[in-house]
Amino acid sequence: MSCTQRRLPSLTDALLDAAVAGVVREVGDAEIQRIRLIDHRIEMCEGEDTCLDPEVGRCTLDDDFERVVDLAEGAQGMLLAMPVYAGNVPAVLKIFQERLKSFMNARQRPFGNLLVGTIVHSRTMLTEPALASLFPWYLRLKNKNVASACVTQSGHPDLTRTAAVDLCTAVGRQLGMTLDVSRSPAADSAVPPVVQSPAAGRTALPVVQSPARPRCGDPAVSATGA
């Protein structure tokens, strides 16, 4: 799901493409459904709550909302990529979140019970607060975020020529590996799944170990020449 409010080409979609490539790398038979919210006419919720009336049971606004919901039918995972506008989620995503309220009383909620990978980018800062604002929505839908990436442009003229692409690919790979494990027969049995080695066809992300540093309470180390 691309949540940019820009038409193509966009940085959000480029970063999302990298994440999709990561998923496909781990799950070769993955079926990907791309959703660009800005390409659909989704009106703002009018707050009448008629959708919560059991006799109505659906949103009565006449737009593309239900079509977008249908696009996610049968999904097991979701990659969500968004820019930061005014320190928070884009308006197009916020509108979509509010419209999903119409399924509040449904047994199966669209875009729910998914494994999720999230990518947030901005020009300067506030990526982390924008990411945090998504989690109440994820919790309400019983989604599990398995990987996130926050990327700040910070003067780089083109983020697609930086390590941001590799970071987003890693988010996709992590989601793909988690999906692959969750759909394996071992995941449905009482026996813990066997983690295969790379030689057995299982890939693994590199572990980056931070250098050792003094801990609080350790004896102070004298600087050279002090």
C-alpha atoms as a PDB file:
ATOM      1  CA  MET A   1       0.000   0.000   0.000  1.00  0.00           C
ATOM      2  CA  SER A   2       1.475   3.305  -1.130  1.00  0.00           C
ATOM      3  CA  CYS A   3       0.183   6.235   0.919  1.00  0.00           C
ATOM      4  CA  THR A   4       1.830   9.094  -0.894  1.00  0.00           C
ATOM      5  CA  GLN A   5      -0.333  11.915  -2.219  1.00  0.00           C
ATOM      6  CA  ARG A   6       1.919  12.416  -5.233  1.00  0.00           C
ATOM      7  CA  ARG A   7       1.323  10.975  -8.674  1.00  0.00           C
ATOM      8  CA  LEU A   8       3.894   8.634 -10.179  1.00  0.00           C
ATOM      9  CA  PRO A   9       6.836   8.659 -10.083  1.00  0.00           C
ATOM     10  CA  SER A  10       7.229   9.103  -6.329  1.00  0.00           C
ATOM     11  CA  LEU A  11       9.898   8.361  -3.745  1.00  0.00           C
ATOM     12  CA  THR A  12       7.368   6.436  -1.649  1.00  0.00           C
ATOM     13  CA  ASP A  13       6.667   4.055  -4.513  1.00  0.00           C
ATOM     14  CA  ALA A  14      10.381   3.613  -5.243  1.00  0.00           C
ATOM     15  CA  LEU A  15      11.042   2.608  -1.619  1.00  0.00           C
ATOM     16  CA  LEU A  16       7.993   0.345  -1.688  1.00  0.00           C
ATOM     17  CA  ASP A  17       9.297  -1.322  -4.861  1.00  0.00           C
ATOM     18  CA  ALA A  18      12.519  -2.157  -2.994  1.00  0.00           C
ATOM     19  CA  ALA A  19      10.529  -3.717  -0.144  1.00  0.00           C
ATOM     20  CA  VAL A  20       8.405  -5.735  -2.581  1.00  0.00           C
ATOM     21  CA  ALA A  21      11.610  -7.033  -4.171  1.00  0.00           C
ATOM     22  CA  GLY A  22      12.693  -8.168  -0.705  1.00  0.00           C
ATOM     23  CA  VAL A  23       9.475 -10.116  -0.186  1.00  0.00           C
ATOM     24  CA  VAL A  24       9.764 -11.805  -3.577  1.00  0.00           C
ATOM     25  CA  ARG A  25      13.365 -12.718  -2.790  1.00  0.00           C
ATOM     26  CA  GLU A  26      12.193 -14.734   0.222  1.00  0.00           C
ATOM     27  CA  VAL A  27       8.817 -15.948  -1.076  1.00  0.00           C
ATOM     28  CA  GLY A  28       9.263 -16.768  -4.734  1.00  0.00           C
ATOM     29  CA  ASP A  29       5.592 -17.504  -5.340  1.00  0.00           C
ATOM     30  CA  ALA A  30       4.320 -14.366  -3.592  1.00  0.00           C
ATOM     31  CA  GLU A  31       1.280 -12.742  -5.202  1.00  0.00           C
ATOM     32  CA  ILE A  32       1.516  -8.963  -4.842  1.00  0.00           C
ATOM     33  CA  GLN A  33      -1.456  -6.586  -5.081  1.00  0.00           C
ATOM     34  CA  ARG A  34      -0.369  -2.954  -5.319  1.00  0.00           C
ATOM     35  CA  ILE A  35      -2.718  -0.327  -3.854  1.00  0.00           C
ATOM     36  CA  ARG A  36      -2.027   3.384  -4.321  1.00  0.00           C
ATOM     37  CA  LEU A  37      -4.649   5.132  -2.225  1.00  0.00           C
ATOM     38  CA  ILE A  38      -4.330   8.409  -4.132  1.00  0.00           C
ATOM     39  CA  ASP A  39      -5.404   6.638  -7.345  1.00  0.00           C
ATOM     40  CA  HIS A  40      -8.822   5.882  -5.818  1.00  0.00           C
ATOM     41  CA  ARG A  41     -11.658   8.237  -4.933  1.00  0.00           C
ATOM     42  CA  ILE A  42     -12.126   7.781  -1.197  1.00  0.00           C
ATOM     43  CA  GLU A  43     -14.341  10.394   0.434  1.00  0.00           C
ATOM     44  CA  MET A  44     -13.987  11.545   4.028  1.00  0.00           C
ATOM     45  CA  CYS A  45     -16.078   9.809   6.675  1.00  0.00           C
ATOM     46  CA  GLU A  46     -19.093  11.997   7.476  1.00  0.00           C
ATOM     47  CA  GLY A  47     -19.281  10.749  11.063  1.00  0.00           C
ATOM     48  CA  GLU A  48     -22.953   9.749  10.900  1.00  0.00           C
ATOM     49  CA  ASP A  49     -22.174   6.193  12.073  1.00  0.00           C
ATOM     50  CA  THR A  50     -25.008   4.740   9.984  1.00  0.00           C
ATOM     51  CA  CYS A  51     -22.538   2.029   8.960  1.00  0.00           C
ATOM     52  CA  LEU A  52     -22.628   0.711  12.535  1.00  0.00           C
ATOM     53  CA  ASP A  53     -26.401   0.145  12.378  1.00  0.00           C
ATOM     54  CA  PRO A  54     -26.933  -3.644  12.002  1.00  0.00           C
ATOM     55  CA  GLU A  55     -29.700  -2.956   9.502  1.00  0.00           C
ATOM     56  CA  VAL A  56     -27.267  -0.990   7.300  1.00  0.00           C
ATOM     57  CA  GLY A  57     -24.002  -2.807   7.976  1.00  0.00           C
ATOM     58  CA  ARG A  58     -21.898  -0.911   5.452  1.00  0.00           C
ATOM     59  CA  CYS A  59     -20.667   2.533   4.525  1.00  0.00           C
ATOM     60  CA  THR A  60     -23.236   4.236   2.313  1.00  0.00           C
ATOM     61  CA  LEU A  61     -20.872   6.712   0.625  1.00  0.00           C
ATOM     62  CA  ASP A  62     -20.659   6.109  -3.107  1.00  0.00           C
ATOM     63  CA  ASP A  63     -16.967   6.009  -4.011  1.00  0.00           C
ATOM     64  CA  ASP A  64     -14.071   3.562  -4.502  1.00  0.00           C
ATOM     65  CA  PHE A  65     -13.715   2.525  -0.851  1.00  0.00           C
ATOM     66  CA  GLU A  66     -15.280  -0.920  -1.169  1.00  0.00           C
ATOM     67  CA  ARG A  67     -13.243  -1.618  -4.301  1.00  0.00           C
ATOM     68  CA  VAL A  68     -10.022  -0.920  -2.384  1.00  0.00           C
ATOM     69  CA  VAL A  69     -11.213  -3.201   0.425  1.00  0.00           C
ATOM     70  CA  ASP A  70     -11.881  -5.959  -2.120  1.00  0.00           C
ATOM     71  CA  LEU A  71      -8.317  -5.630  -3.461  1.00  0.00           C
ATOM     72  CA  ALA A  72      -6.989  -6.829  -0.105  1.00  0.00           C
ATOM     73  CA  GLU A  73      -9.214  -9.908   0.029  1.00  0.00           C
ATOM     74  CA  GLY A  74      -7.218 -12.961   1.106  1.00  0.00           C
ATOM     75  CA  ALA A  75      -4.045 -11.035   1.972  1.00  0.00           C
ATOM     76  CA  GLN A  76      -1.646 -12.513   4.527  1.00  0.00           C
ATOM     77  CA  GLY A  77       0.713  -9.568   4.789  1.00  0.00           C
ATOM     78  CA  MET A  78       0.960  -5.885   4.021  1.00  0.00           C
ATOM     79  CA  LEU A  79       3.781  -3.537   3.135  1.00  0.00           C
ATOM     80  CA  LEU A  80       2.790   0.028   3.957  1.00  0.00           C
ATOM     81  CA  ALA A  81       4.947   2.923   2.759  1.00  0.00           C
ATOM     82  CA  MET A  82       4.195   6.546   3.543  1.00  0.00           C
ATOM     83  CA  PRO A  83       5.774   9.990   3.617  1.00  0.00           C
ATOM     84  CA  VAL A  84       5.397  12.270   6.624  1.00  0.00           C
ATOM     85  CA  TYR A  85       3.139  15.275   6.063  1.00  0.00           C
ATOM     86  CA  ALA A  86       2.843  17.862   8.861  1.00  0.00           C
ATOM     87  CA  GLY A  87       4.426  15.454  11.322  1.00  0.00           C
ATOM     88  CA  ASN A  88       1.843  12.717  10.930  1.00  0.00           C
ATOM     89  CA  VAL A  89       0.324  10.193   8.507  1.00  0.00           C
ATOM     90  CA  PRO A  90      -0.815  11.523   5.116  1.00  0.00           C
ATOM     91  CA  ALA A  91      -4.431  12.674   4.884  1.00  0.00           C
ATOM     92  CA  VAL A  92      -5.223  10.018   2.282  1.00  0.00           C
ATOM     93  CA  LEU A  93      -4.281   7.272   4.778  1.00  0.00           C
ATOM     94  CA  LYS A  94      -6.071   8.931   7.692  1.00  0.00           C
ATOM     95  CA  ILE A  95      -9.279   9.126   5.635  1.00  0.00           C
ATOM     96  CA  PHE A  96      -8.944   5.457   4.728  1.00  0.00           C
ATOM     97  CA  GLN A  97      -8.356   4.505   8.374  1.00  0.00           C
ATOM     98  CA  GLU A  98     -11.528   6.315   9.432  1.00  0.00           C
ATOM     99  CA  ARG A  99     -13.581   4.719   6.668  1.00  0.00           C
ATOM    100  CA  LEU A 100     -12.565   1.249   7.901  1.00  0.00           C
ATOM    101  CA  LYS A 101     -14.655   2.045  10.971  1.00  0.00           C
ATOM    102  CA  SER A 102     -17.615   0.758   8.976  1.00  0.00           C
ATOM    103  CA  PHE A 103     -16.288  -2.768   9.599  1.00  0.00           C
ATOM    104  CA  MET A 104     -15.925  -2.275  13.350  1.00  0.00           C
ATOM    105  CA  ASN A 105     -18.633  -4.826  14.151  1.00  0.00           C
ATOM    106  CA  ALA A 106     -17.645  -7.277  11.418  1.00  0.00           C
ATOM    107  CA  ARG A 107     -16.281 -10.691  12.344  1.00  0.00           C
ATOM    108  CA  GLN A 108     -13.497 -10.360   9.758  1.00  0.00           C
ATOM    109  CA  ARG A 109     -12.102  -6.853   9.448  1.00  0.00           C
ATOM    110  CA  PRO A 110     -10.420  -5.851   6.159  1.00  0.00           C
ATOM    111  CA  PHE A 111      -6.702  -5.144   6.401  1.00  0.00           C
ATOM    112  CA  GLY A 112      -6.703  -7.009   9.722  1.00  0.00           C
ATOM    113  CA  ASN A 113      -4.854 -10.059  11.098  1.00  0.00           C
ATOM    114  CA  LEU A 114      -1.898  -9.331   8.830  1.00  0.00           C
ATOM    115  CA  LEU A 115       1.868  -9.446   9.179  1.00  0.00           C
ATOM    116  CA  VAL A 116       3.068  -5.944   8.334  1.00  0.00           C
ATOM    117  CA  GLY A 117       6.240  -4.223   7.174  1.00  0.00           C
ATOM    118  CA  THR A 118       6.248  -0.426   7.444  1.00  0.00           C
ATOM    119  CA  ILE A 119       8.341   2.222   5.688  1.00  0.00           C
ATOM    120  CA  VAL A 120       8.196   5.883   6.726  1.00  0.00           C
ATOM    121  CA  HIS A 121      10.231   8.656   5.113  1.00  0.00           C
ATOM    122  CA  SER A 122      10.448  12.420   5.482  1.00  0.00           C
ATOM    123  CA  ARG A 123      12.505  15.374   4.328  1.00  0.00           C
ATOM    124  CA  THR A 124      13.891  16.281   7.730  1.00  0.00           C
ATOM    125  CA  MET A 125      12.518  14.519  10.825  1.00  0.00           C
ATOM    126  CA  LEU A 126       9.445  13.196  12.691  1.00  0.00           C
ATOM    127  CA  THR A 127       9.503   9.781  11.026  1.00  0.00           C
ATOM    128  CA  GLU A 128       9.408   7.959  14.372  1.00  0.00           C
ATOM    129  CA  PRO A 129       6.343   9.831  15.753  1.00  0.00           C
ATOM    130  CA  ALA A 130       4.521   9.218  12.457  1.00  0.00           C
ATOM    131  CA  LEU A 131       5.396   5.518  12.661  1.00  0.00           C
ATOM    132  CA  ALA A 132       4.172   5.391  16.262  1.00  0.00           C
ATOM    133  CA  SER A 133       0.832   6.891  15.223  1.00  0.00           C
ATOM    134  CA  LEU A 134       0.190   3.803  13.075  1.00  0.00           C
ATOM    135  CA  PHE A 135       0.406   1.301  15.923  1.00  0.00           C
ATOM    136  CA  PRO A 136      -2.975   1.987  17.574  1.00  0.00           C
ATOM    137  CA  TRP A 137      -4.509   1.299  14.148  1.00  0.00           C
ATOM    138  CA  TYR A 138      -2.463  -1.883  13.750  1.00  0.00           C
ATOM    139  CA  LEU A 139      -3.463  -3.062  17.230  1.00  0.00           C
ATOM    140  CA  ARG A 140      -7.132  -2.403  16.550  1.00  0.00           C
ATOM    141  CA  LEU A 141      -6.920  -4.525  13.407  1.00  0.00           C
ATOM    142  CA  LYS A 142      -4.856  -7.206  15.209  1.00  0.00           C
ATOM    143  CA  ASN A 143      -1.948  -6.700  12.838  1.00  0.00           C
ATOM    144  CA  LYS A 144       1.618  -7.612  13.765  1.00  0.00           C
ATOM    145  CA  ASN A 145       4.352  -5.276  12.570  1.00  0.00           C
ATOM    146  CA  VAL A 146       7.419  -7.444  11.975  1.00  0.00           C
ATOM    147  CA  ALA A 147       9.783  -4.829  10.496  1.00  0.00           C
ATOM    148  CA  SER A 148       9.962  -1.049  10.154  1.00  0.00           C
ATOM    149  CA  ALA A 149      12.264   1.450   8.467  1.00  0.00           C
ATOM    150  CA  CYS A 150      12.400   5.197   9.104  1.00  0.00           C
ATOM    151  CA  VAL A 151      14.369   7.173   6.542  1.00  0.00           C
ATOM    152  CA  THR A 152      15.139  10.887   6.598  1.00  0.00           C
ATOM    153  CA  GLN A 153      16.228  12.667   3.447  1.00  0.00           C
ATOM    154  CA  SER A 154      18.386  15.200   5.326  1.00  0.00           C
ATOM    155  CA  GLY A 155      19.638  16.982   2.235  1.00  0.00           C
ATOM    156  CA  HIS A 156      20.225  13.939   0.061  1.00  0.00           C
ATOM    157  CA  PRO A 157      19.031  14.909  -3.439  1.00  0.00           C
ATOM    158  CA  ASP A 158      17.971  11.348  -4.263  1.00  0.00           C
ATOM    159  CA  LEU A 159      17.253   8.777  -1.543  1.00  0.00           C
ATOM    160  CA  THR A 160      16.992   6.036  -4.159  1.00  0.00           C
ATOM    161  CA  ARG A 161      20.780   6.339  -4.575  1.00  0.00           C
ATOM    162  CA  THR A 162      21.476   5.761  -0.871  1.00  0.00           C
ATOM    163  CA  ALA A 163      21.380   2.856   1.578  1.00  0.00           C
ATOM    164  CA  ALA A 164      17.689   3.638   2.116  1.00  0.00           C
ATOM    165  CA  VAL A 165      16.883   1.223  -0.708  1.00  0.00           C
ATOM    166  CA  ASP A 166      18.803  -1.595   0.997  1.00  0.00           C
ATOM    167  CA  LEU A 167      17.029  -0.827   4.268  1.00  0.00           C
ATOM    168  CA  CYS A 168      13.624  -1.077   2.604  1.00  0.00           C
ATOM    169  CA  THR A 169      14.641  -4.290   0.861  1.00  0.00           C
ATOM    170  CA  ALA A 170      15.538  -5.687   4.289  1.00  0.00           C
ATOM    171  CA  VAL A 171      12.060  -4.783   5.576  1.00  0.00           C
ATOM    172  CA  GLY A 172      10.548  -6.737   2.695  1.00  0.00           C
ATOM    173  CA  ARG A 173      12.866  -9.683   3.284  1.00  0.00           C
ATOM    174  CA  GLN A 174      11.981  -9.804   6.969  1.00  0.00           C
ATOM    175  CA  LEU A 175       8.270  -9.759   6.133  1.00  0.00           C
ATOM    176  CA  GLY A 176       8.811 -12.441   3.480  1.00  0.00           C
ATOM    177  CA  MET A 177      10.717 -14.711   5.835  1.00  0.00           C
ATOM    178  CA  THR A 178       8.053 -14.309   8.532  1.00  0.00           C
ATOM    179  CA  LEU A 179       5.293 -15.061   6.032  1.00  0.00           C
ATOM    180  CA  ASP A 180       7.197 -18.078   4.750  1.00  0.00           C
ATOM    181  CA  VAL A 181       7.549 -19.506   8.258  1.00  0.00           C
ATOM    182  CA  SER A 182       3.930 -18.750   9.206  1.00  0.00           C
ATOM    183  CA  ARG A 183       2.514 -20.627   6.215  1.00  0.00           C
ATOM    184  CA  SER A 184       4.769 -23.689   6.584  1.00  0.00           C
ATOM    185  CA  PRO A 185       3.219 -26.948   7.880  1.00  0.00           C
ATOM    186  CA  ALA A 186       5.483 -26.812  10.937  1.00  0.00           C
ATOM    187  CA  ALA A 187       3.918 -23.515  11.981  1.00  0.00           C
ATOM    188  CA  ASP A 188       0.523 -25.202  12.262  1.00  0.00           C
ATOM    189  CA  SER A 189       1.729 -28.135  14.353  1.00  0.00           C
ATOM    190  CA  ALA A 190       2.786 -28.507  17.955  1.00  0.00           C
ATOM    191  CA  VAL A 191       6.360 -29.152  16.825  1.00  0.00           C
ATOM    192  CA  PRO A 192       8.528 -26.014  16.710  1.00  0.00           C
ATOM    193  CA  PRO A 193       9.518 -25.129  13.139  1.00  0.00           C
ATOM    194  CA  VAL A 194      13.015 -26.043  12.054  1.00  0.00           C
ATOM    195  CA  VAL A 195      15.131 -23.066  11.036  1.00  0.00           C
ATOM    196  CA  GLN A 196      17.133 -24.094   8.005  1.00  0.00           C
ATOM    197  CA  SER A 197      20.621 -22.877   7.309  1.00  0.00           C
ATOM    198  CA  PRO A 198      21.453 -20.768   4.235  1.00  0.00           C
ATOM    199  CA  ALA A 199      22.989 -23.901   2.702  1.00  0.00           C
ATOM    200  CA  ALA A 200      19.598 -25.603   2.983  1.00  0.00           C
ATOM    201  CA  GLY A 201      17.954 -22.813   1.034  1.00  0.00           C
ATOM    202  CA  ARG A 202      17.065 -20.549   3.961  1.00  0.00           C
ATOM    203  CA  THR A 203      18.454 -17.054   3.790  1.00  0.00           C
ATOM    204  CA  ALA A 204      19.263 -14.932   6.789  1.00  0.00           C
ATOM    205  CA  LEU A 205      19.746 -11.218   7.273  1.00  0.00           C
ATOM    206  CA  PRO A 206      23.208 -10.179   8.503  1.00  0.00           C
ATOM    207  CA  VAL A 207      23.543  -9.412  12.194  1.00  0.00           C
ATOM    208  CA  VAL A 208      25.171  -6.050  12.826  1.00  0.00           C
ATOM    209  CA  GLN A 209      27.025  -6.063  16.148  1.00  0.00           C
ATOM    210  CA  SER A 210      27.663  -2.701  17.771  1.00  0.00           C
ATOM    211  CA  PRO A 211      31.264  -2.121  18.960  1.00  0.00           C
ATOM    212  CA  ALA A 212      31.933  -2.609  22.653  1.00  0.00           C
ATOM    213  CA  ARG A 213      31.675   0.525  24.762  1.00  0.00           C
ATOM    214  CA  PRO A 214      32.141   1.294  28.468  1.00  0.00           C
ATOM    215  CA  ARG A 215      29.125   0.568  30.650  1.00  0.00           C
ATOM    216  CA  CYS A 216      27.824   2.714  33.473  1.00  0.00           C
ATOM    217  CA  GLY A 217      29.896   1.948  36.587  1.00  0.00           C
ATOM    218  CA  ASP A 218      32.946   0.626  34.728  1.00  0.00           C
ATOM    219  CA  PRO A 219      36.294   2.087  35.807  1.00  0.00           C
ATOM    220  CA  ALA A 220      37.130   5.160  33.762  1.00  0.00           C
ATOM    221  CA  VAL A 221      39.741   4.606  31.053  1.00  0.00           C
ATOM    222  CA  SER A 222      42.436   7.288  31.019  1.00  0.00           C
ATOM    223  CA  ALA A 223      42.904   8.997  27.717  1.00  0.00           C
ATOM    224  CA  THR A 224      46.331   8.709  26.086  1.00  0.00           C
ATOM    225  CA  GLY A 225      48.633  11.375  27.418  1.00  0.00           C
ATOM    226  CA  ALA A 226      46.318  12.386  30.277  1.00  0.00           C
END
